[in-house]
Amino acid sequence: MSETVAAESDKRTGIAMIFGVLGLVGALVMLAMGFQHEQLLAAWGFAGAMVAGLLSVTAIHLSGSSEIINP
């Protein structure tokens, strides 16, 4: 039982880290393009960061939904 819980916990952590890194990349693109006055590319960087954050939270909640049903 503990191996299953550990695997699910590791999966959730990995998902959060992947989408966290993607969000950070999007934020860095937004920052870099803002300094270069490329507003359209900065907006795409912001959109990428927001989508990565949305997917991170959604994936964590979906992967952890079995804990709510079967504690």
PDB file of N, CA and C in Angstrom:
ATOM      1  N   MET A   1       0.816  -1.190   0.000  1.00  0.00           N
ATOM      2  CA  MET A   1       0.000   0.000   0.000  1.00  0.00           C
ATOM      3  C   MET A   1       0.863   1.259   0.000  1.00  0.00           C
ATOM      4  N   SER A   2       1.931   1.248   0.802  1.00  0.00           N
ATOM      5  CA  SER A   2       2.777   2.436   0.876  1.00  0.00           C
ATOM      6  C   SER A   2       3.524   2.680  -0.432  1.00  0.00           C
ATOM      7  N   GLU A   3       3.831   1.614  -1.177  1.00  0.00           N
ATOM      8  CA  GLU A   3       4.502   1.797  -2.465  1.00  0.00           C
ATOM      9  C   GLU A   3       3.586   2.493  -3.454  1.00  0.00           C
ATOM     10  N   THR A   4       2.296   2.175  -3.412  1.00  0.00           N
ATOM     11  CA  THR A   4       1.335   2.826  -4.296  1.00  0.00           C
ATOM     12  C   THR A   4       1.207   4.297  -3.954  1.00  0.00           C
ATOM     13  N   VAL A   5       1.141   4.609  -2.675  1.00  0.00           N
ATOM     14  CA  VAL A   5       1.033   5.998  -2.245  1.00  0.00           C
ATOM     15  C   VAL A   5       2.291   6.765  -2.631  1.00  0.00           C
ATOM     16  N   ALA A   6       3.459   6.161  -2.451  1.00  0.00           N
ATOM     17  CA  ALA A   6       4.709   6.828  -2.805  1.00  0.00           C
ATOM     18  C   ALA A   6       4.791   7.074  -4.303  1.00  0.00           C
ATOM     19  N   ALA A   7       4.358   6.119  -5.112  1.00  0.00           N
ATOM     20  CA  ALA A   7       4.394   6.289  -6.564  1.00  0.00           C
ATOM     21  C   ALA A   7       3.459   7.411  -6.990  1.00  0.00           C
ATOM     22  N   GLU A   8       2.273   7.476  -6.402  1.00  0.00           N
ATOM     23  CA  GLU A   8       1.336   8.550  -6.737  1.00  0.00           C
ATOM     24  C   GLU A   8       1.888   9.896  -6.297  1.00  0.00           C
ATOM     25  N   SER A   9       2.524   9.934  -5.120  1.00  0.00           N
ATOM     26  CA  SER A   9       3.102  11.170  -4.615  1.00  0.00           C
ATOM     27  C   SER A   9       4.242  11.634  -5.513  1.00  0.00           C
ATOM     28  N   ASP A  10       5.087  10.697  -5.952  1.00  0.00           N
ATOM     29  CA  ASP A  10       6.186  11.042  -6.844  1.00  0.00           C
ATOM     30  C   ASP A  10       5.664  11.540  -8.187  1.00  0.00           C
ATOM     31  N   LYS A  11       4.604  10.925  -8.671  1.00  0.00           N
ATOM     32  CA  LYS A  11       4.015  11.334  -9.940  1.00  0.00           C
ATOM     33  C   LYS A  11       3.468  12.755  -9.831  1.00  0.00           C
ATOM     34  N   ARG A  12       2.788  13.038  -8.744  1.00  0.00           N
ATOM     35  CA  ARG A  12       2.237  14.382  -8.554  1.00  0.00           C
ATOM     36  C   ARG A  12       3.346  15.419  -8.450  1.00  0.00           C
ATOM     37  N   THR A  13       4.434  15.076  -7.755  1.00  0.00           N
ATOM     38  CA  THR A  13       5.558  15.997  -7.628  1.00  0.00           C
ATOM     39  C   THR A  13       6.215  16.232  -8.978  1.00  0.00           C
ATOM     40  N   GLY A  14       6.376  15.172  -9.751  1.00  0.00           N
ATOM     41  CA  GLY A  14       6.976  15.305 -11.077  1.00  0.00           C
ATOM     42  C   GLY A  14       6.141  16.162 -12.008  1.00  0.00           C
ATOM     43  N   ILE A  15       4.842  15.959 -11.970  1.00  0.00           N
ATOM     44  CA  ILE A  15       3.942  16.754 -12.802  1.00  0.00           C
ATOM     45  C   ILE A  15       4.031  18.226 -12.411  1.00  0.00           C
ATOM     46  N   ALA A  16       4.024  18.487 -11.115  1.00  0.00           N
ATOM     47  CA  ALA A  16       4.115  19.870 -10.644  1.00  0.00           C
ATOM     48  C   ALA A  16       5.429  20.511 -11.067  1.00  0.00           C
ATOM     49  N   MET A  17       6.518  19.745 -11.005  1.00  0.00           N
ATOM     50  CA  MET A  17       7.825  20.295 -11.375  1.00  0.00           C
ATOM     51  C   MET A  17       7.911  20.572 -12.873  1.00  0.00           C
ATOM     52  N   ILE A  18       7.389  19.672 -13.691  1.00  0.00           N
ATOM     53  CA  ILE A  18       7.436  19.872 -15.148  1.00  0.00           C
ATOM     54  C   ILE A  18       6.677  21.129 -15.543  1.00  0.00           C
ATOM     55  N   PHE A  19       5.444  21.246 -15.070  1.00  0.00           N
ATOM     56  CA  PHE A  19       4.657  22.413 -15.441  1.00  0.00           C
ATOM     57  C   PHE A  19       5.155  23.683 -14.758  1.00  0.00           C
ATOM     58  N   GLY A  20       5.785  23.535 -13.588  1.00  0.00           N
ATOM     59  CA  GLY A  20       6.406  24.686 -12.939  1.00  0.00           C
ATOM     60  C   GLY A  20       7.563  25.238 -13.763  1.00  0.00           C
ATOM     61  N   VAL A  21       8.367  24.333 -14.312  1.00  0.00           N
ATOM     62  CA  VAL A  21       9.476  24.760 -15.171  1.00  0.00           C
ATOM     63  C   VAL A  21       8.944  25.411 -16.443  1.00  0.00           C
ATOM     64  N   LEU A  22       7.894  24.841 -17.021  1.00  0.00           N
ATOM     65  CA  LEU A  22       7.301  25.451 -18.221  1.00  0.00           C
ATOM     66  C   LEU A  22       6.739  26.835 -17.917  1.00  0.00           C
ATOM     67  N   GLY A  23       6.133  26.991 -16.754  1.00  0.00           N
ATOM     68  CA  GLY A  23       5.636  28.304 -16.341  1.00  0.00           C
ATOM     69  C   GLY A  23       6.777  29.295 -16.160  1.00  0.00           C
ATOM     70  N   LEU A  24       7.880  28.827 -15.584  1.00  0.00           N
ATOM     71  CA  LEU A  24       9.043  29.689 -15.406  1.00  0.00           C
ATOM     72  C   LEU A  24       9.623  30.111 -16.754  1.00  0.00           C
ATOM     73  N   VAL A  25       9.684  29.188 -17.697  1.00  0.00           N
ATOM     74  CA  VAL A  25      10.167  29.526 -19.043  1.00  0.00           C
ATOM     75  C   VAL A  25       9.266  30.576 -19.685  1.00  0.00           C
ATOM     76  N   GLY A  26       7.953  30.398 -19.550  1.00  0.00           N
ATOM     77  CA  GLY A  26       7.019  31.392 -20.093  1.00  0.00           C
ATOM     78  C   GLY A  26       7.202  32.754 -19.456  1.00  0.00           C
ATOM     79  N   ALA A  27       7.421  32.775 -18.138  1.00  0.00           N
ATOM     80  CA  ALA A  27       7.642  34.052 -17.446  1.00  0.00           C
ATOM     81  C   ALA A  27       8.951  34.702 -17.882  1.00  0.00           C
ATOM     82  N   LEU A  28       9.986  33.891 -18.098  1.00  0.00           N
ATOM     83  CA  LEU A  28      11.258  34.445 -18.570  1.00  0.00           C
ATOM     84  C   LEU A  28      11.141  34.992 -19.988  1.00  0.00           C
ATOM     85  N   VAL A  29      10.369  34.308 -20.834  1.00  0.00           N
ATOM     86  CA  VAL A  29      10.128  34.823 -22.189  1.00  0.00           C
ATOM     87  C   VAL A  29       9.401  36.164 -22.096  1.00  0.00           C
ATOM     88  N   MET A  30       8.408  36.231 -21.225  1.00  0.00           N
ATOM     89  CA  MET A  30       7.666  37.471 -21.047  1.00  0.00           C
ATOM     90  C   MET A  30       8.594  38.597 -20.591  1.00  0.00           C
ATOM     91  N   LEU A  31       9.467  38.308 -19.639  1.00  0.00           N
ATOM     92  CA  LEU A  31      10.393  39.314 -19.128  1.00  0.00           C
ATOM     93  C   LEU A  31      11.369  39.769 -20.210  1.00  0.00           C
ATOM     94  N   ALA A  32      11.974  38.812 -20.900  1.00  0.00           N
ATOM     95  CA  ALA A  32      12.971  39.143 -21.925  1.00  0.00           C
ATOM     96  C   ALA A  32      12.348  39.948 -23.064  1.00  0.00           C
ATOM     97  N   MET A  33      11.180  39.535 -23.513  1.00  0.00           N
ATOM     98  CA  MET A  33      10.538  40.248 -24.618  1.00  0.00           C
ATOM     99  C   MET A  33      10.006  41.611 -24.172  1.00  0.00           C
ATOM    100  N   GLY A  34       9.658  41.738 -22.911  1.00  0.00           N
ATOM    101  CA  GLY A  34       9.232  43.044 -22.395  1.00  0.00           C
ATOM    102  C   GLY A  34      10.366  44.048 -22.420  1.00  0.00           C
ATOM    103  N   PHE A  35      11.583  43.584 -22.086  1.00  0.00           N
ATOM    104  CA  PHE A  35      12.741  44.468 -22.133  1.00  0.00           C
ATOM    105  C   PHE A  35      13.105  44.861 -23.556  1.00  0.00           C
ATOM    106  N   GLN A  36      12.762  44.022 -24.527  1.00  0.00           N
ATOM    107  CA  GLN A  36      13.077  44.316 -25.923  1.00  0.00           C
ATOM    108  C   GLN A  36      11.914  45.004 -26.630  1.00  0.00           C
ATOM    109  N   HIS A  37      10.881  45.353 -25.892  1.00  0.00           N
ATOM    110  CA  HIS A  37       9.691  46.038 -26.409  1.00  0.00           C
ATOM    111  C   HIS A  37       8.973  45.226 -27.489  1.00  0.00           C
ATOM    112  N   GLU A  38       9.028  43.910 -27.363  1.00  0.00           N
ATOM    113  CA  GLU A  38       8.292  43.002 -28.248  1.00  0.00           C
ATOM    114  C   GLU A  38       7.030  42.569 -27.495  1.00  0.00           C
ATOM    115  N   GLN A  39       6.008  43.399 -27.571  1.00  0.00           N
ATOM    116  CA  GLN A  39       4.820  43.185 -26.741  1.00  0.00           C
ATOM    117  C   GLN A  39       4.051  41.918 -27.108  1.00  0.00           C
ATOM    118  N   LEU A  40       3.995  41.589 -28.377  1.00  0.00           N
ATOM    119  CA  LEU A  40       3.256  40.395 -28.794  1.00  0.00           C
ATOM    120  C   LEU A  40       3.917  39.130 -28.264  1.00  0.00           C
ATOM    121  N   LEU A  41       5.239  39.049 -28.358  1.00  0.00           N
ATOM    122  CA  LEU A  41       5.939  37.880 -27.841  1.00  0.00           C
ATOM    123  C   LEU A  41       5.890  37.832 -26.311  1.00  0.00           C
ATOM    124  N   ALA A  42       5.901  38.994 -25.670  1.00  0.00           N
ATOM    125  CA  ALA A  42       5.757  39.026 -24.215  1.00  0.00           C
ATOM    126  C   ALA A  42       4.380  38.508 -23.812  1.00  0.00           C
ATOM    127  N   ALA A  43       3.369  38.856 -24.583  1.00  0.00           N
ATOM    128  CA  ALA A  43       2.018  38.372 -24.304  1.00  0.00           C
ATOM    129  C   ALA A  43       1.936  36.858 -24.475  1.00  0.00           C
ATOM    130  N   TRP A  44       2.614  36.322 -25.491  1.00  0.00           N
ATOM    131  CA  TRP A  44       2.633  34.867 -25.669  1.00  0.00           C
ATOM    132  C   TRP A  44       3.372  34.187 -24.521  1.00  0.00           C
ATOM    133  N   GLY A  45       4.420  34.806 -24.020  1.00  0.00           N
ATOM    134  CA  GLY A  45       5.125  34.268 -22.858  1.00  0.00           C
ATOM    135  C   GLY A  45       4.229  34.235 -21.630  1.00  0.00           C
ATOM    136  N   PHE A  46       3.460  35.315 -21.433  1.00  0.00           N
ATOM    137  CA  PHE A  46       2.513  35.360 -20.322  1.00  0.00           C
ATOM    138  C   PHE A  46       1.440  34.289 -20.484  1.00  0.00           C
ATOM    139  N   ALA A  47       0.930  34.141 -21.693  1.00  0.00           N
ATOM    140  CA  ALA A  47      -0.090  33.118 -21.949  1.00  0.00           C
ATOM    141  C   ALA A  47       0.468  31.720 -21.683  1.00  0.00           C
ATOM    142  N   GLY A  48       1.706  31.483 -22.101  1.00  0.00           N
ATOM    143  CA  GLY A  48       2.335  30.189 -21.845  1.00  0.00           C
ATOM    144  C   GLY A  48       2.502  29.910 -20.361  1.00  0.00           C
ATOM    145  N   ALA A  49       2.891  30.932 -19.601  1.00  0.00           N
ATOM    146  CA  ALA A  49       3.048  30.765 -18.160  1.00  0.00           C
ATOM    147  C   ALA A  49       1.705  30.479 -17.501  1.00  0.00           C
ATOM    148  N   MET A  50       0.655  31.154 -17.926  1.00  0.00           N
ATOM    149  CA  MET A  50      -0.668  30.938 -17.346  1.00  0.00           C
ATOM    150  C   MET A  50      -1.214  29.549 -17.690  1.00  0.00           C
ATOM    151  N   VAL A  51      -1.015  29.111 -18.923  1.00  0.00           N
ATOM    152  CA  VAL A  51      -1.487  27.784 -19.328  1.00  0.00           C
ATOM    153  C   VAL A  51      -0.714  26.703 -18.566  1.00  0.00           C
ATOM    154  N   ALA A  52       0.586  26.876 -18.403  1.00  0.00           N
ATOM    155  CA  ALA A  52       1.380  25.901 -17.649  1.00  0.00           C
ATOM    156  C   ALA A  52       0.910  25.835 -16.200  1.00  0.00           C
ATOM    157  N   GLY A  53       0.609  26.975 -15.601  1.00  0.00           N
ATOM    158  CA  GLY A  53       0.087  26.986 -14.236  1.00  0.00           C
ATOM    159  C   GLY A  53      -1.257  26.303 -14.140  1.00  0.00           C
ATOM    160  N   LEU A  54      -2.123  26.578 -15.100  1.00  0.00           N
ATOM    161  CA  LEU A  54      -3.440  25.948 -15.131  1.00  0.00           C
ATOM    162  C   LEU A  54      -3.314  24.437 -15.259  1.00  0.00           C
ATOM    163  N   LEU A  55      -2.463  23.976 -16.164  1.00  0.00           N
ATOM    164  CA  LEU A  55      -2.273  22.543 -16.359  1.00  0.00           C
ATOM    165  C   LEU A  55      -1.631  21.886 -15.142  1.00  0.00           C
ATOM    166  N   SER A  56      -0.744  22.603 -14.475  1.00  0.00           N
ATOM    167  CA  SER A  56      -0.116  22.062 -13.274  1.00  0.00           C
ATOM    168  C   SER A  56      -1.143  21.800 -12.184  1.00  0.00           C
ATOM    169  N   VAL A  57      -1.957  22.785 -11.898  1.00  0.00           N
ATOM    170  CA  VAL A  57      -2.969  22.637 -10.845  1.00  0.00           C
ATOM    171  C   VAL A  57      -3.996  21.580 -11.234  1.00  0.00           C
ATOM    172  N   THR A  58      -4.419  21.584 -12.490  1.00  0.00           N
ATOM    173  CA  THR A  58      -5.404  20.602 -12.952  1.00  0.00           C
ATOM    174  C   THR A  58      -4.850  19.183 -12.874  1.00  0.00           C
ATOM    175  N   ALA A  59      -3.620  18.986 -13.328  1.00  0.00           N
ATOM    176  CA  ALA A  59      -3.027  17.650 -13.308  1.00  0.00           C
ATOM    177  C   ALA A  59      -2.842  17.144 -11.886  1.00  0.00           C
ATOM    178  N   ILE A  60      -2.436  18.018 -10.974  1.00  0.00           N
ATOM    179  CA  ILE A  60      -2.259  17.606  -9.581  1.00  0.00           C
ATOM    180  C   ILE A  60      -3.590  17.199  -8.974  1.00  0.00           C
ATOM    181  N   HIS A  61      -4.623  17.971  -9.247  1.00  0.00           N
ATOM    182  CA  HIS A  61      -5.937  17.640  -8.702  1.00  0.00           C
ATOM    183  C   HIS A  61      -6.500  16.360  -9.310  1.00  0.00           C
ATOM    184  N   LEU A  62      -6.294  16.173 -10.601  1.00  0.00           N
ATOM    185  CA  LEU A  62      -6.804  14.957 -11.234  1.00  0.00           C
ATOM    186  C   LEU A  62      -6.038  13.722 -10.786  1.00  0.00           C
ATOM    187  N   SER A  63      -4.742  13.836 -10.610  1.00  0.00           N
ATOM    188  CA  SER A  63      -3.968  12.674 -10.177  1.00  0.00           C
ATOM    189  C   SER A  63      -4.200  12.365  -8.706  1.00  0.00           C
ATOM    190  N   GLY A  64      -4.618  13.334  -7.938  1.00  0.00           N
ATOM    191  CA  GLY A  64      -4.869  13.111  -6.525  1.00  0.00           C
ATOM    192  C   GLY A  64      -6.331  12.886  -6.192  1.00  0.00           C
ATOM    193  N   SER A  65      -7.194  12.790  -7.205  1.00  0.00           N
ATOM    194  CA  SER A  65      -8.613  12.650  -6.938  1.00  0.00           C
ATOM    195  C   SER A  65      -8.962  11.312  -6.312  1.00  0.00           C
ATOM    196  N   SER A  66      -8.122  10.273  -6.511  1.00  0.00           N
ATOM    197  CA  SER A  66      -8.414   8.964  -5.927  1.00  0.00           C
ATOM    198  C   SER A  66      -8.261   8.999  -4.406  1.00  0.00           C
ATOM    199  N   GLU A  67      -7.441   9.906  -3.895  1.00  0.00           N
ATOM    200  CA  GLU A  67      -7.275  10.020  -2.457  1.00  0.00           C
ATOM    201  C   GLU A  67      -8.542  10.558  -1.799  1.00  0.00           C
ATOM    202  N   ILE A  68      -9.261  11.389  -2.503  1.00  0.00           N
ATOM    203  CA  ILE A  68     -10.496  11.941  -1.959  1.00  0.00           C
ATOM    204  C   ILE A  68     -11.569  10.856  -1.895  1.00  0.00           C
ATOM    205  N   ILE A  69     -11.627  10.020  -2.921  1.00  0.00           N
ATOM    206  CA  ILE A  69     -12.644   8.981  -2.973  1.00  0.00           C
ATOM    207  C   ILE A  69     -12.292   7.833  -2.042  1.00  0.00           C
ATOM    208  N   ASN A  70     -11.021   7.410  -2.050  1.00  0.00           N
ATOM    209  CA  ASN A  70     -10.564   6.281  -1.213  1.00  0.00           C
ATOM    210  C   ASN A  70      -9.422   6.735  -0.310  1.00  0.00           C
ATOM    211  N   PRO A  71      -9.724   7.332   0.821  1.00  0.00           N
ATOM    212  CA  PRO A  71      -8.628   7.833   1.680  1.00  0.00           C
ATOM    213  C   PRO A  71      -7.818   6.728   2.307  1.00  0.00           C
TER     214      PRO A  71
END
